[in-house]
PDB file of N, CA and C in Angstrom:
ATOM      1  N   MET A   1      21.250  10.962  14.787  1.00  0.00           N
ATOM      2  CA  MET A   1      22.364  11.827  14.530  1.00  0.00           C
ATOM      3  C   MET A   1      22.351  12.289  13.070  1.00  0.00           C
ATOM      4  N   LEU A   2      22.048  11.357  12.171  1.00  0.00           N
ATOM      5  CA  LEU A   2      21.995  11.727  10.751  1.00  0.00           C
ATOM      6  C   LEU A   2      20.879  12.718  10.469  1.00  0.00           C
ATOM      7  N   LYS A   3      19.769  12.591  11.167  1.00  0.00           N
ATOM      8  CA  LYS A   3      18.658  13.532  10.964  1.00  0.00           C
ATOM      9  C   LYS A   3      19.065  14.934  11.399  1.00  0.00           C
ATOM     10  N   ILE A   4      19.846  15.022  12.468  1.00  0.00           N
ATOM     11  CA  ILE A   4      20.313  16.332  12.930  1.00  0.00           C
ATOM     12  C   ILE A   4      21.238  16.956  11.892  1.00  0.00           C
ATOM     13  N   ILE A   5      22.147  16.151  11.363  1.00  0.00           N
ATOM     14  CA  ILE A   5      23.069  16.657  10.343  1.00  0.00           C
ATOM     15  C   ILE A   5      22.303  17.050   9.084  1.00  0.00           C
ATOM     16  N   ALA A   6      21.347  16.225   8.678  1.00  0.00           N
ATOM     17  CA  ALA A   6      20.559  16.523   7.478  1.00  0.00           C
ATOM     18  C   ALA A   6      19.785  17.832   7.630  1.00  0.00           C
ATOM     19  N   HIS A   7      19.458  18.174   8.852  1.00  0.00           N
ATOM     20  CA  HIS A   7      18.758  19.423   9.109  1.00  0.00           C
ATOM     21  C   HIS A   7      19.678  20.628   8.854  1.00  0.00           C
ATOM     22  N   HIS A   8      20.975  20.461   9.148  1.00  0.00           N
ATOM     23  CA  HIS A   8      21.930  21.566   9.019  1.00  0.00           C
ATOM     24  C   HIS A   8      22.759  21.524   7.736  1.00  0.00           C
ATOM     25  N   VAL A   9      22.974  20.328   7.220  1.00  0.00           N
ATOM     26  CA  VAL A   9      23.744  20.158   5.984  1.00  0.00           C
ATOM     27  C   VAL A   9      22.813  19.498   4.975  1.00  0.00           C
ATOM     28  N   PRO A  10      22.478  20.180   3.903  1.00  0.00           N
ATOM     29  CA  PRO A  10      21.512  19.580   2.973  1.00  0.00           C
ATOM     30  C   PRO A  10      22.086  18.351   2.255  1.00  0.00           C
ATOM     31  N   PHE A  11      21.521  17.185   2.595  1.00  0.00           N
ATOM     32  CA  PHE A  11      21.829  15.962   1.863  1.00  0.00           C
ATOM     33  C   PHE A  11      20.616  15.057   1.928  1.00  0.00           C
ATOM     34  N   ASP A  12      20.533  14.146   0.989  1.00  0.00           N
ATOM     35  CA  ASP A  12      19.387  13.256   0.870  1.00  0.00           C
ATOM     36  C   ASP A  12      19.597  12.021   1.746  1.00  0.00           C
ATOM     37  N   LEU A  13      18.789  11.896   2.785  1.00  0.00           N
ATOM     38  CA  LEU A  13      18.894  10.747   3.697  1.00  0.00           C
ATOM     39  C   LEU A  13      18.613   9.417   2.992  1.00  0.00           C
ATOM     40  N   ASN A  14      17.936   9.470   1.848  1.00  0.00           N
ATOM     41  CA  ASN A  14      17.612   8.236   1.120  1.00  0.00           C
ATOM     42  C   ASN A  14      18.720   7.807   0.158  1.00  0.00           C
ATOM     43  N   ASP A  15      19.688   8.679  -0.068  1.00  0.00           N
ATOM     44  CA  ASP A  15      20.814   8.359  -0.942  1.00  0.00           C
ATOM     45  C   ASP A  15      21.832   7.552  -0.131  1.00  0.00           C
ATOM     46  N   ARG A  16      22.033   6.282  -0.518  1.00  0.00           N
ATOM     47  CA  ARG A  16      22.904   5.385   0.251  1.00  0.00           C
ATOM     48  C   ARG A  16      24.331   5.907   0.359  1.00  0.00           C
ATOM     49  N   GLN A  17      24.853   6.456  -0.719  1.00  0.00           N
ATOM     50  CA  GLN A  17      26.235   6.932  -0.709  1.00  0.00           C
ATOM     51  C   GLN A  17      26.394   8.143   0.222  1.00  0.00           C
ATOM     52  N   GLN A  18      25.483   9.087   0.128  1.00  0.00           N
ATOM     53  CA  GLN A  18      25.552  10.263   0.999  1.00  0.00           C
ATOM     54  C   GLN A  18      25.334   9.864   2.454  1.00  0.00           C
ATOM     55  N   ARG A  19      24.385   8.981   2.670  1.00  0.00           N
ATOM     56  CA  ARG A  19      24.093   8.507   4.030  1.00  0.00           C
ATOM     57  C   ARG A  19      25.321   7.814   4.622  1.00  0.00           C
ATOM     58  N   ALA A  20      25.987   6.955   3.844  1.00  0.00           N
ATOM     59  CA  ALA A  20      27.178   6.239   4.312  1.00  0.00           C
ATOM     60  C   ALA A  20      28.297   7.225   4.639  1.00  0.00           C
ATOM     61  N   TYR A  21      28.461   8.241   3.792  1.00  0.00           N
ATOM     62  CA  TYR A  21      29.495   9.245   4.022  1.00  0.00           C
ATOM     63  C   TYR A  21      29.272   9.948   5.360  1.00  0.00           C
ATOM     64  N   TRP A  22      28.057  10.433   5.578  1.00  0.00           N
ATOM     65  CA  TRP A  22      27.781  11.184   6.805  1.00  0.00           C
ATOM     66  C   TRP A  22      27.745  10.277   8.029  1.00  0.00           C
ATOM     67  N   LEU A  23      27.327   9.043   7.868  1.00  0.00           N
ATOM     68  CA  LEU A  23      27.366   8.100   8.980  1.00  0.00           C
ATOM     69  C   LEU A  23      28.806   7.845   9.403  1.00  0.00           C
ATOM     70  N   ASP A  24      29.700   7.700   8.423  1.00  0.00           N
ATOM     71  CA  ASP A  24      31.124   7.512   8.718  1.00  0.00           C
ATOM     72  C   ASP A  24      31.673   8.716   9.480  1.00  0.00           C
ATOM     73  N   LYS A  25      31.295   9.912   9.067  1.00  0.00           N
ATOM     74  CA  LYS A  25      31.744  11.129   9.757  1.00  0.00           C
ATOM     75  C   LYS A  25      31.226  11.167  11.194  1.00  0.00           C
ATOM     76  N   CYS A  26      29.981  10.760  11.396  1.00  0.00           N
ATOM     77  CA  CYS A  26      29.408  10.715  12.752  1.00  0.00           C
ATOM     78  C   CYS A  26      30.170   9.716  13.629  1.00  0.00           C
ATOM     79  N   GLN A  27      30.461   8.552  13.075  1.00  0.00           N
ATOM     80  CA  GLN A  27      31.183   7.528  13.823  1.00  0.00           C
ATOM     81  C   GLN A  27      32.590   8.001  14.177  1.00  0.00           C
ATOM     82  N   GLN A  28      33.248   8.684  13.249  1.00  0.00           N
ATOM     83  CA  GLN A  28      34.582   9.223  13.530  1.00  0.00           C
ATOM     84  C   GLN A  28      34.525  10.259  14.649  1.00  0.00           C
ATOM     85  N   LEU A  29      33.507  11.097  14.606  1.00  0.00           N
ATOM     86  CA  LEU A  29      33.348  12.108  15.655  1.00  0.00           C
ATOM     87  C   LEU A  29      33.156  11.443  17.011  1.00  0.00           C
ATOM     88  N   MET A  30      32.273  10.484  17.093  1.00  0.00           N
ATOM     89  CA  MET A  30      31.997   9.834  18.374  1.00  0.00           C
ATOM     90  C   MET A  30      33.226   9.081  18.892  1.00  0.00           C
ATOM     91  N   ALA A  31      33.962   8.447  18.002  1.00  0.00           N
ATOM     92  CA  ALA A  31      35.160   7.711  18.411  1.00  0.00           C
ATOM     93  C   ALA A  31      36.287   8.640  18.841  1.00  0.00           C
ATOM     94  N   SER A  32      36.232   9.896  18.443  1.00  0.00           N
ATOM     95  CA  SER A  32      37.307  10.833  18.778  1.00  0.00           C
ATOM     96  C   SER A  32      37.114  11.494  20.138  1.00  0.00           C
ATOM     97  N   ILE A  33      35.992  11.261  20.786  1.00  0.00           N
ATOM     98  CA  ILE A  33      35.754  11.882  22.092  1.00  0.00           C
ATOM     99  C   ILE A  33      36.640  11.190  23.131  1.00  0.00           C
ATOM    100  N   ARG A  34      37.511  11.978  23.759  1.00  0.00           N
ATOM    101  CA  ARG A  34      38.508  11.447  24.698  1.00  0.00           C
ATOM    102  C   ARG A  34      38.453  12.220  26.011  1.00  0.00           C
ATOM    103  N   ASP A  35      38.974  11.580  27.070  1.00  0.00           N
ATOM    104  CA  ASP A  35      39.098  12.296  28.332  1.00  0.00           C
ATOM    105  C   ASP A  35      40.412  13.073  28.330  1.00  0.00           C
ATOM    106  N   THR A  36      40.748  13.709  29.450  1.00  0.00           N
ATOM    107  CA  THR A  36      41.944  14.559  29.493  1.00  0.00           C
ATOM    108  C   THR A  36      43.241  13.760  29.334  1.00  0.00           C
ATOM    109  N   GLU A  37      43.216  12.461  29.624  1.00  0.00           N
ATOM    110  CA  GLU A  37      44.397  11.614  29.436  1.00  0.00           C
ATOM    111  C   GLU A  37      44.445  10.981  28.052  1.00  0.00           C
ATOM    112  N   GLY A  38      43.456  11.270  27.227  1.00  0.00           N
ATOM    113  CA  GLY A  38      43.446  10.751  25.866  1.00  0.00           C
ATOM    114  C   GLY A  38      42.750   9.413  25.696  1.00  0.00           C
ATOM    115  N   ARG A  39      42.069   8.927  26.726  1.00  0.00           N
ATOM    116  CA  ARG A  39      41.363   7.645  26.633  1.00  0.00           C
ATOM    117  C   ARG A  39      39.986   7.844  26.012  1.00  0.00           C
ATOM    118  N   ARG A  40      39.629   6.933  25.161  1.00  0.00           N
ATOM    119  CA  ARG A  40      38.325   6.988  24.491  1.00  0.00           C
ATOM    120  C   ARG A  40      37.219   6.782  25.521  1.00  0.00           C
ATOM    121  N   MET A  41      36.188   7.614  25.436  1.00  0.00           N
ATOM    122  CA  MET A  41      35.125   7.573  26.436  1.00  0.00           C
ATOM    123  C   MET A  41      33.751   7.196  25.883  1.00  0.00           C
ATOM    124  N   VAL A  42      33.585   7.173  24.568  1.00  0.00           N
ATOM    125  CA  VAL A  42      32.283   6.888  23.974  1.00  0.00           C
ATOM    126  C   VAL A  42      32.414   5.656  23.080  1.00  0.00           C
ATOM    127  N   PHE A  43      31.517   4.692  23.276  1.00  0.00           N
ATOM    128  CA  PHE A  43      31.521   3.460  22.492  1.00  0.00           C
ATOM    129  C   PHE A  43      30.116   3.176  21.986  1.00  0.00           C
ATOM    130  N   ASN A  44      30.066   2.452  20.886  1.00  0.00           N
ATOM    131  CA  ASN A  44      28.790   2.116  20.264  1.00  0.00           C
ATOM    132  C   ASN A  44      28.292   0.755  20.747  1.00  0.00           C
ATOM    133  N   ILE A  45      26.999   0.685  20.993  1.00  0.00           N
ATOM    134  CA  ILE A  45      26.312  -0.580  21.237  1.00  0.00           C
ATOM    135  C   ILE A  45      25.474  -0.830  19.982  1.00  0.00           C
ATOM    136  N   PRO A  46      25.741  -1.921  19.240  1.00  0.00           N
ATOM    137  CA  PRO A  46      24.985  -2.174  18.009  1.00  0.00           C
ATOM    138  C   PRO A  46      23.492  -2.399  18.295  1.00  0.00           C
ATOM    139  N   ARG A  47      22.693  -2.154  17.284  1.00  0.00           N
ATOM    140  CA  ARG A  47      21.240  -2.263  17.403  1.00  0.00           C
ATOM    141  C   ARG A  47      20.803  -3.616  17.943  1.00  0.00           C
ATOM    142  N   HIS A  48      21.390  -4.707  17.459  1.00  0.00           N
ATOM    143  CA  HIS A  48      20.948  -6.039  17.866  1.00  0.00           C
ATOM    144  C   HIS A  48      21.347  -6.386  19.302  1.00  0.00           C
ATOM    145  N   LYS A  49      22.233  -5.605  19.926  1.00  0.00           N
ATOM    146  CA  LYS A  49      22.639  -5.856  21.314  1.00  0.00           C
ATOM    147  C   LYS A  49      22.035  -4.846  22.278  1.00  0.00           C
ATOM    148  N   SER A  50      21.496  -3.776  21.746  1.00  0.00           N
ATOM    149  CA  SER A  50      20.967  -2.699  22.571  1.00  0.00           C
ATOM    150  C   SER A  50      19.632  -3.077  23.196  1.00  0.00           C
ATOM    151  N   ILE A  51      19.440  -2.634  24.409  1.00  0.00           N
ATOM    152  CA  ILE A  51      18.168  -2.855  25.104  1.00  0.00           C
ATOM    153  C   ILE A  51      17.036  -2.164  24.360  1.00  0.00           C
ATOM    154  N   ASN A  52      17.316  -1.006  23.793  1.00  0.00           N
ATOM    155  CA  ASN A  52      16.310  -0.218  23.071  1.00  0.00           C
ATOM    156  C   ASN A  52      16.150  -0.640  21.617  1.00  0.00           C
ATOM    157  N   LYS A  53      16.938  -1.631  21.172  1.00  0.00           N
ATOM    158  CA  LYS A  53      16.903  -2.127  19.787  1.00  0.00           C
ATOM    159  C   LYS A  53      17.243  -1.036  18.781  1.00  0.00           C
ATOM    160  N   ARG A  54      18.094  -0.092  19.195  1.00  0.00           N
ATOM    161  CA  ARG A  54      18.605   0.961  18.332  1.00  0.00           C
ATOM    162  C   ARG A  54      20.099   1.082  18.594  1.00  0.00           C
ATOM    163  N   SER A  55      20.853   1.400  17.572  1.00  0.00           N
ATOM    164  CA  SER A  55      22.274   1.651  17.750  1.00  0.00           C
ATOM    165  C   SER A  55      22.431   2.833  18.695  1.00  0.00           C
ATOM    166  N   GLU A  56      23.262   2.666  19.723  1.00  0.00           N
ATOM    167  CA  GLU A  56      23.421   3.714  20.729  1.00  0.00           C
ATOM    168  C   GLU A  56      24.896   3.983  20.983  1.00  0.00           C
ATOM    169  N   TYR A  57      25.185   5.208  21.369  1.00  0.00           N
ATOM    170  CA  TYR A  57      26.520   5.555  21.829  1.00  0.00           C
ATOM    171  C   TYR A  57      26.457   5.680  23.350  1.00  0.00           C
ATOM    172  N   ILE A  58      27.418   5.043  24.002  1.00  0.00           N
ATOM    173  CA  ILE A  58      27.437   4.999  25.451  1.00  0.00           C
ATOM    174  C   ILE A  58      28.640   5.770  25.969  1.00  0.00           C
ATOM    175  N   LEU A  59      28.404   6.700  26.876  1.00  0.00           N
ATOM    176  CA  LEU A  59      29.463   7.401  27.577  1.00  0.00           C
ATOM    177  C   LEU A  59      29.852   6.515  28.757  1.00  0.00           C
ATOM    178  N   VAL A  60      31.017   5.897  28.687  1.00  0.00           N
ATOM    179  CA  VAL A  60      31.419   4.886  29.665  1.00  0.00           C
ATOM    180  C   VAL A  60      31.366   5.423  31.091  1.00  0.00           C
ATOM    181  N   GLY A  61      31.857   6.634  31.307  1.00  0.00           N
ATOM    182  CA  GLY A  61      31.890   7.201  32.654  1.00  0.00           C
ATOM    183  C   GLY A  61      30.518   7.438  33.257  1.00  0.00           C
ATOM    184  N   ALA A  62      29.473   7.455  32.450  1.00  0.00           N
ATOM    185  CA  ALA A  62      28.128   7.705  32.950  1.00  0.00           C
ATOM    186  C   ALA A  62      27.237   6.472  32.861  1.00  0.00           C
ATOM    187  N   CYS A  63      27.754   5.375  32.322  1.00  0.00           N
ATOM    188  CA  CYS A  63      26.944   4.174  32.125  1.00  0.00           C
ATOM    189  C   CYS A  63      26.749   3.436  33.444  1.00  0.00           C
ATOM    190  N   THR A  64      25.506   3.070  33.727  1.00  0.00           N
ATOM    191  CA  THR A  64      25.197   2.319  34.949  1.00  0.00           C
ATOM    192  C   THR A  64      24.653   0.931  34.645  1.00  0.00           C
ATOM    193  N   ASP A  65      24.635   0.547  33.381  1.00  0.00           N
ATOM    194  CA  ASP A  65      24.104  -0.756  32.982  1.00  0.00           C
ATOM    195  C   ASP A  65      25.254  -1.743  32.794  1.00  0.00           C
ATOM    196  N   PRO A  66      25.385  -2.725  33.703  1.00  0.00           N
ATOM    197  CA  PRO A  66      26.480  -3.695  33.597  1.00  0.00           C
ATOM    198  C   PRO A  66      26.455  -4.480  32.284  1.00  0.00           C
ATOM    199  N   GLN A  67      25.267  -4.729  31.737  1.00  0.00           N
ATOM    200  CA  GLN A  67      25.162  -5.469  30.484  1.00  0.00           C
ATOM    201  C   GLN A  67      25.783  -4.684  29.330  1.00  0.00           C
ATOM    202  N   GLU A  68      25.516  -3.394  29.263  1.00  0.00           N
ATOM    203  CA  GLU A  68      26.091  -2.568  28.206  1.00  0.00           C
ATOM    204  C   GLU A  68      27.609  -2.481  28.353  1.00  0.00           C
ATOM    205  N   LEU A  69      28.084  -2.361  29.583  1.00  0.00           N
ATOM    206  CA  LEU A  69      29.529  -2.324  29.808  1.00  0.00           C
ATOM    207  C   LEU A  69      30.174  -3.647  29.416  1.00  0.00           C
ATOM    208  N   THR A  70      29.489  -4.756  29.676  1.00  0.00           N
ATOM    209  CA  THR A  70      30.000  -6.077  29.296  1.00  0.00           C
ATOM    210  C   THR A  70      30.081  -6.205  27.778  1.00  0.00           C
ATOM    211  N   ILE A  71      29.079  -5.684  27.076  1.00  0.00           N
ATOM    212  CA  ILE A  71      29.087  -5.723  25.604  1.00  0.00           C
ATOM    213  C   ILE A  71      30.300  -4.954  25.074  1.00  0.00           C
ATOM    214  N   ILE A  72      30.539  -3.774  25.619  1.00  0.00           N
ATOM    215  CA  ILE A  72      31.686  -2.967  25.191  1.00  0.00           C
ATOM    216  C   ILE A  72      32.987  -3.691  25.528  1.00  0.00           C
ATOM    217  N   GLN A  73      33.074  -4.247  26.721  1.00  0.00           N
ATOM    218  CA  GLN A  73      34.280  -4.964  27.143  1.00  0.00           C
ATOM    219  C   GLN A  73      34.559  -6.146  26.219  1.00  0.00           C
ATOM    220  N   TYR A  74      33.524  -6.890  25.852  1.00  0.00           N
ATOM    221  CA  TYR A  74      33.681  -8.047  24.966  1.00  0.00           C
ATOM    222  C   TYR A  74      34.191  -7.614  23.586  1.00  0.00           C
ATOM    223  N   ARG A  75      33.625  -6.532  23.057  1.00  0.00           N
ATOM    224  CA  ARG A  75      34.076  -6.031  21.753  1.00  0.00           C
ATOM    225  C   ARG A  75      35.526  -5.577  21.816  1.00  0.00           C
ATOM    226  N   LEU A  76      35.911  -4.896  22.903  1.00  0.00           N
ATOM    227  CA  LEU A  76      37.297  -4.451  23.042  1.00  0.00           C
ATOM    228  C   LEU A  76      38.247  -5.643  23.151  1.00  0.00           C
ATOM    229  N   ALA A  77      37.832  -6.672  23.895  1.00  0.00           N
ATOM    230  CA  ALA A  77      38.668  -7.871  24.024  1.00  0.00           C
ATOM    231  C   ALA A  77      38.874  -8.526  22.660  1.00  0.00           C
ATOM    232  N   GLY A  78      37.843  -8.567  21.843  1.00  0.00           N
ATOM    233  CA  GLY A  78      37.963  -9.112  20.492  1.00  0.00           C
ATOM    234  C   GLY A  78      38.901  -8.283  19.636  1.00  0.00           C
ATOM    235  N   SER A  79      38.824  -6.964  19.776  1.00  0.00           N
ATOM    236  CA  SER A  79      39.724  -6.080  19.030  1.00  0.00           C
ATOM    237  C   SER A  79      41.168  -6.284  19.461  1.00  0.00           C
ATOM    238  N   ILE A  80      41.380  -6.425  20.762  1.00  0.00           N
ATOM    239  CA  ILE A  80      42.730  -6.645  21.284  1.00  0.00           C
ATOM    240  C   ILE A  80      43.282  -7.965  20.767  1.00  0.00           C
ATOM    241  N   ALA A  81      42.463  -9.003  20.791  1.00  0.00           N
ATOM    242  CA  ALA A  81      42.912 -10.314  20.301  1.00  0.00           C
ATOM    243  C   ALA A  81      43.287 -10.236  18.826  1.00  0.00           C
ATOM    244  N   GLY A  82      42.505  -9.530  18.043  1.00  0.00           N
ATOM    245  CA  GLY A  82      42.807  -9.371  16.626  1.00  0.00           C
ATOM    246  C   GLY A  82      44.102  -8.601  16.396  1.00  0.00           C
ATOM    247  N   LEU A  83      44.322  -7.555  17.184  1.00  0.00           N
ATOM    248  CA  LEU A  83      45.553  -6.785  17.071  1.00  0.00           C
ATOM    249  C   LEU A  83      46.768  -7.608  17.490  1.00  0.00           C
ATOM    250  N   GLN A  84      46.606  -8.422  18.531  1.00  0.00           N
ATOM    251  CA  GLN A  84      47.715  -9.271  18.964  1.00  0.00           C
ATOM    252  C   GLN A  84      48.067 -10.297  17.896  1.00  0.00           C
ATOM    253  N   GLU A  85      47.064 -10.840  17.231  1.00  0.00           N
ATOM    254  CA  GLU A  85      47.323 -11.797  16.141  1.00  0.00           C
ATOM    255  C   GLU A  85      48.034 -11.096  14.989  1.00  0.00           C
ATOM    256  N   SER A  86      47.600  -9.885  14.661  1.00  0.00           N
ATOM    257  CA  SER A  86      48.268  -9.116  13.606  1.00  0.00           C
ATOM    258  C   SER A  86      49.719  -8.835  13.984  1.00  0.00           C
ATOM    259  N   GLU A  87      49.946  -8.523  15.238  1.00  0.00           N
ATOM    260  CA  GLU A  87      51.315  -8.267  15.693  1.00  0.00           C
ATOM    261  C   GLU A  87      52.178  -9.522  15.549  1.00  0.00           C
ATOM    262  N   ARG A  88      51.627 -10.687  15.854  1.00  0.00           N
ATOM    263  CA  ARG A  88      52.372 -11.947  15.697  1.00  0.00           C
ATOM    264  C   ARG A  88      52.732 -12.185  14.229  1.00  0.00           C
ATOM    265  N   VAL A  89      51.805 -11.903  13.334  1.00  0.00           N
ATOM    266  CA  VAL A  89      52.074 -12.071  11.901  1.00  0.00           C
ATOM    267  C   VAL A  89      53.198 -11.135  11.470  1.00  0.00           C
ATOM    268  N   ILE A  90      53.161  -9.899  11.931  1.00  0.00           N
ATOM    269  CA  ILE A  90      54.194  -8.927  11.587  1.00  0.00           C
ATOM    270  C   ILE A  90      55.550  -9.366  12.142  1.00  0.00           C
ATOM    271  N   GLN A  91      55.576  -9.813  13.387  1.00  0.00           N
ATOM    272  CA  GLN A  91      56.834 -10.288  13.975  1.00  0.00           C
ATOM    273  C   GLN A  91      57.388 -11.474  13.197  1.00  0.00           C
ATOM    274  N   SER A  92      56.530 -12.368  12.794  1.00  0.00           N
ATOM    275  CA  SER A  92      56.947 -13.534  12.018  1.00  0.00           C
ATOM    276  C   SER A  92      57.539 -13.104  10.679  1.00  0.00           C
ATOM    277  N   GLN A  93      56.890 -12.166  10.019  1.00  0.00           N
ATOM    278  CA  GLN A  93      57.387 -11.676   8.729  1.00  0.00           C
ATOM    279  C   GLN A  93      58.731 -10.985   8.893  1.00  0.00           C
ATOM    280  N   LYS A  94      58.865 -10.166   9.941  1.00  0.00           N
ATOM    281  CA  LYS A  94      60.134  -9.496  10.192  1.00  0.00           C
ATOM    282  C   LYS A  94      61.244 -10.508  10.466  1.00  0.00           C
ATOM    283  N   ALA A  95      60.938 -11.558  11.226  1.00  0.00           N
ATOM    284  CA  ALA A  95      61.930 -12.598  11.511  1.00  0.00           C
ATOM    285  C   ALA A  95      62.334 -13.313  10.228  1.00  0.00           C
ATOM    286  N   PHE A  96      61.370 -13.584   9.352  1.00  0.00           N
ATOM    287  CA  PHE A  96      61.663 -14.229   8.079  1.00  0.00           C
ATOM    288  C   PHE A  96      62.595 -13.350   7.235  1.00  0.00           C
ATOM    289  N   ILE A  97      62.274 -12.051   7.163  1.00  0.00           N
ATOM    290  CA  ILE A  97      63.091 -11.126   6.377  1.00  0.00           C
ATOM    291  C   ILE A  97      64.512 -11.062   6.942  1.00  0.00           C
ATOM    292  N   GLN A  98      64.627 -10.986   8.254  1.00  0.00           N
ATOM    293  CA  GLN A  98      65.952 -10.931   8.887  1.00  0.00           C
ATOM    294  C   GLN A  98      66.735 -12.205   8.600  1.00  0.00           C
ATOM    295  N   SER A  99      66.067 -13.342   8.665  1.00  0.00           N
ATOM    296  CA  SER A  99      66.720 -14.619   8.369  1.00  0.00           C
ATOM    297  C   SER A  99      67.167 -14.667   6.914  1.00  0.00           C
ATOM    298  N   LEU A 100      66.316 -14.219   6.026  1.00  0.00           N
ATOM    299  CA  LEU A 100      66.643 -14.200   4.606  1.00  0.00           C
ATOM    300  C   LEU A 100      67.837 -13.280   4.329  1.00  0.00           C
ATOM    301  N   LEU A 101      67.829 -12.090   4.927  1.00  0.00           N
ATOM    302  CA  LEU A 101      68.947 -11.164   4.743  1.00  0.00           C
ATOM    303  C   LEU A 101      70.246 -11.747   5.298  1.00  0.00           C
ATOM    304  N   SER A 102      70.170 -12.390   6.439  1.00  0.00           N
ATOM    305  CA  SER A 102      71.365 -13.024   7.017  1.00  0.00           C
ATOM    306  C   SER A 102      71.897 -14.105   6.090  1.00  0.00           C
ATOM    307  N   HIS A 103      70.984 -14.892   5.538  1.00  0.00           N
ATOM    308  CA  HIS A 103      71.376 -15.956   4.611  1.00  0.00           C
ATOM    309  C   HIS A 103      72.040 -15.368   3.363  1.00  0.00           C
ATOM    310  N   ILE A 104      71.454 -14.315   2.822  1.00  0.00           N
ATOM    311  CA  ILE A 104      72.017 -13.661   1.635  1.00  0.00           C
ATOM    312  C   ILE A 104      73.385 -13.075   1.958  1.00  0.00           C
ATOM    313  N   ASP A 105      73.478 -12.397   3.111  1.00  0.00           N
ATOM    314  CA  ASP A 105      74.767 -11.819   3.517  1.00  0.00           C
ATOM    315  C   ASP A 105      75.839 -12.893   3.659  1.00  0.00           C
ATOM    316  N   SER A 106      75.477 -14.017   4.268  1.00  0.00           N
ATOM    317  CA  SER A 106      76.476 -15.069   4.469  1.00  0.00           C
ATOM    318  C   SER A 106      76.935 -15.656   3.138  1.00  0.00           C
ATOM    319  N   ARG A 107      76.057 -15.728   2.149  1.00  0.00           N
ATOM    320  CA  ARG A 107      76.422 -16.238   0.823  1.00  0.00           C
ATOM    321  C   ARG A 107      77.269 -15.230   0.044  1.00  0.00           C
ATOM    322  N   MET A 108      76.955 -13.967   0.203  1.00  0.00           N
ATOM    323  CA  MET A 108      77.659 -12.936  -0.567  1.00  0.00           C
ATOM    324  C   MET A 108      79.051 -12.649  -0.027  1.00  0.00           C
ATOM    325  N   PHE A 109      79.208 -12.735   1.267  1.00  0.00           N
ATOM    326  CA  PHE A 109      80.463 -12.318   1.873  1.00  0.00           C
ATOM    327  C   PHE A 109      81.310 -13.470   2.385  1.00  0.00           C
ATOM    328  N   THR A 110      80.962 -14.688   2.039  1.00  0.00           N
ATOM    329  CA  THR A 110      81.762 -15.852   2.399  1.00  0.00           C
ATOM    330  C   THR A 110      82.722 -16.145   1.263  1.00  0.00           C
ATOM    331  N   PRO A 111      84.036 -16.200   1.556  1.00  0.00           N
ATOM    332  CA  PRO A 111      84.978 -16.511   0.475  1.00  0.00           C
ATOM    333  C   PRO A 111      84.722 -17.891  -0.083  1.00  0.00           C
ATOM    334  N   GLU A 112      84.795 -17.998  -1.393  1.00  0.00           N
ATOM    335  CA  GLU A 112      84.574 -19.289  -2.035  1.00  0.00           C
ATOM    336  C   GLU A 112      85.797 -20.168  -1.853  1.00  0.00           C
ATOM    337  N   ASP A 113      85.556 -21.462  -1.772  1.00  0.00           N
ATOM    338  CA  ASP A 113      86.657 -22.416  -1.596  1.00  0.00           C
ATOM    339  C   ASP A 113      87.368 -22.700  -2.860  1.00  0.00           C
TER     340      ASP A 113
END
């Protein structure tokens, strides 16, 4: 993909910073491909997991390899677990803040004896 872009947009493929920039743009493009309901349809299989030993993008609706689908499913499950943990941390922080505000309110608005 980078070679195709380098053919149309002049940049040095050997320059790490330029390469990283354009690779990020390619990844954003591939991740933005959605079906009519807005569901993501293209996922990456990393080089070390790919049958071809190259990083590949897989169109889920056209994939017939159960192993590749399992790799994508496993990565998504890990992402979901991470998001759920982040949500728990946020809920805990919100509960702490609410408790703290309640405590402050009770101290400020309680008549002194």
